[in-house]
Amino acid sequence: MPSPTSPGPQVSGVVSPQARAILLMIAAVTLFSVMDACAKGLSTRTGPVPAIWARYLGQKLLVLVLVEPRLRSVLRTFSSYA
């Protein structure tokens, strides 16, 4: 039985930074592959230009949804040039 001071598996639900980085990388590669497959499938029906346009519009909307909760704090400035 491990002692209370020995490092063991985390049971509090907190993910280590390394595990989070791995999960984010897997998600990025998966989403990129899905986005690429959708664009290739769409380009056979609509042509390459509308498919590329739809691909980047979808990517922009996804990024806006992910960034929007933190957007106000990122855009806030603390310096005043009055």
Protein backbone atom coordinates (compact mmCIF):
# COMPACT_ATOMS: atom_id res chain seq x y z
CA MET A 1 0.00 0.00 0.00
CA PRO A 2 1.51 3.36 -0.98
CA SER A 3 2.20 5.85 1.76
CA PRO A 4 0.09 9.05 1.87
CA THR A 5 3.09 11.15 0.85
CA SER A 6 4.09 9.09 -2.19
CA PRO A 7 3.00 10.36 -5.59
CA GLY A 8 0.28 8.18 -6.96
CA PRO A 9 -2.48 8.38 -9.52
CA GLN A 10 -4.54 11.52 -9.33
CA VAL A 11 -8.05 10.81 -8.17
CA SER A 12 -9.23 14.39 -7.71
CA GLY A 13 -10.18 14.74 -11.38
CA VAL A 14 -7.32 17.11 -12.21
CA VAL A 15 -5.50 16.20 -15.40
CA SER A 16 -1.74 16.67 -15.50
CA PRO A 17 -0.35 19.19 -18.00
CA GLN A 18 1.32 16.38 -19.96
CA ALA A 19 -1.93 14.42 -20.27
CA ARG A 20 -3.81 17.57 -21.25
CA ALA A 21 -1.21 18.33 -23.94
CA ILE A 22 -1.49 14.81 -25.33
CA LEU A 23 -5.29 14.97 -25.40
CA LEU A 24 -5.24 18.37 -27.12
CA MET A 25 -2.80 17.10 -29.74
CA ILE A 26 -4.96 14.05 -30.44
CA ALA A 27 -8.03 16.29 -30.72
CA ALA A 28 -6.23 18.69 -33.09
CA VAL A 29 -5.05 15.91 -35.40
CA THR A 30 -8.51 14.30 -35.38
CA LEU A 31 -10.32 17.57 -36.10
CA PHE A 32 -7.88 18.45 -38.87
CA SER A 33 -8.42 15.05 -40.50
CA VAL A 34 -12.20 15.34 -40.25
CA MET A 35 -12.13 18.89 -41.65
CA ASP A 36 -9.92 17.78 -44.54
CA ALA A 37 -12.15 14.79 -45.35
CA CYS A 38 -15.26 17.00 -45.30
CA ALA A 39 -13.62 19.52 -47.64
CA LYS A 40 -12.58 16.75 -50.06
CA GLY A 41 -16.06 15.27 -50.06
CA LEU A 42 -17.66 18.67 -50.51
CA SER A 43 -15.32 19.66 -53.33
CA THR A 44 -16.56 16.81 -55.53
CA ARG A 45 -20.10 18.24 -55.33
CA THR A 46 -19.52 22.00 -55.25
CA GLY A 47 -16.07 22.61 -56.70
CA PRO A 48 -12.82 23.47 -54.96
CA VAL A 49 -13.37 27.20 -54.29
CA PRO A 50 -16.69 26.89 -52.38
CA ALA A 51 -15.33 23.85 -50.52
CA ILE A 52 -12.24 25.76 -49.38
CA TRP A 53 -14.40 28.74 -48.44
CA ALA A 54 -16.71 26.51 -46.38
CA ARG A 55 -13.72 24.81 -44.75
CA TYR A 56 -12.18 28.03 -43.50
CA LEU A 57 -15.53 29.53 -42.51
CA GLY A 58 -16.26 26.44 -40.41
CA GLN A 59 -12.82 26.63 -38.85
CA LYS A 60 -13.33 30.31 -38.03
CA LEU A 61 -16.69 29.63 -36.38
CA LEU A 62 -15.22 26.79 -34.31
CA VAL A 63 -12.34 28.99 -33.12
CA LEU A 64 -14.74 31.82 -32.25
CA VAL A 65 -16.89 29.46 -30.19
CA LEU A 66 -13.82 28.21 -28.31
CA VAL A 67 -12.25 31.65 -27.78
CA GLU A 68 -15.39 33.69 -27.06
CA PRO A 69 -15.58 33.02 -23.30
CA ARG A 70 -12.09 34.52 -22.82
CA LEU A 71 -12.31 37.20 -25.51
CA ARG A 72 -13.20 40.12 -23.23
CA SER A 73 -10.33 39.47 -20.85
CA VAL A 74 -7.88 39.14 -23.75
CA LEU A 75 -9.00 42.35 -25.45
CA ARG A 76 -9.07 44.41 -22.23
CA THR A 77 -6.25 46.92 -21.94
CA PHE A 78 -4.92 48.34 -18.72
CA SER A 79 -2.92 51.26 -20.07
CA SER A 80 -4.45 54.63 -20.80
CA TYR A 81 -2.88 57.16 -23.10
CA ALA A 82 -4.97 60.16 -22.09
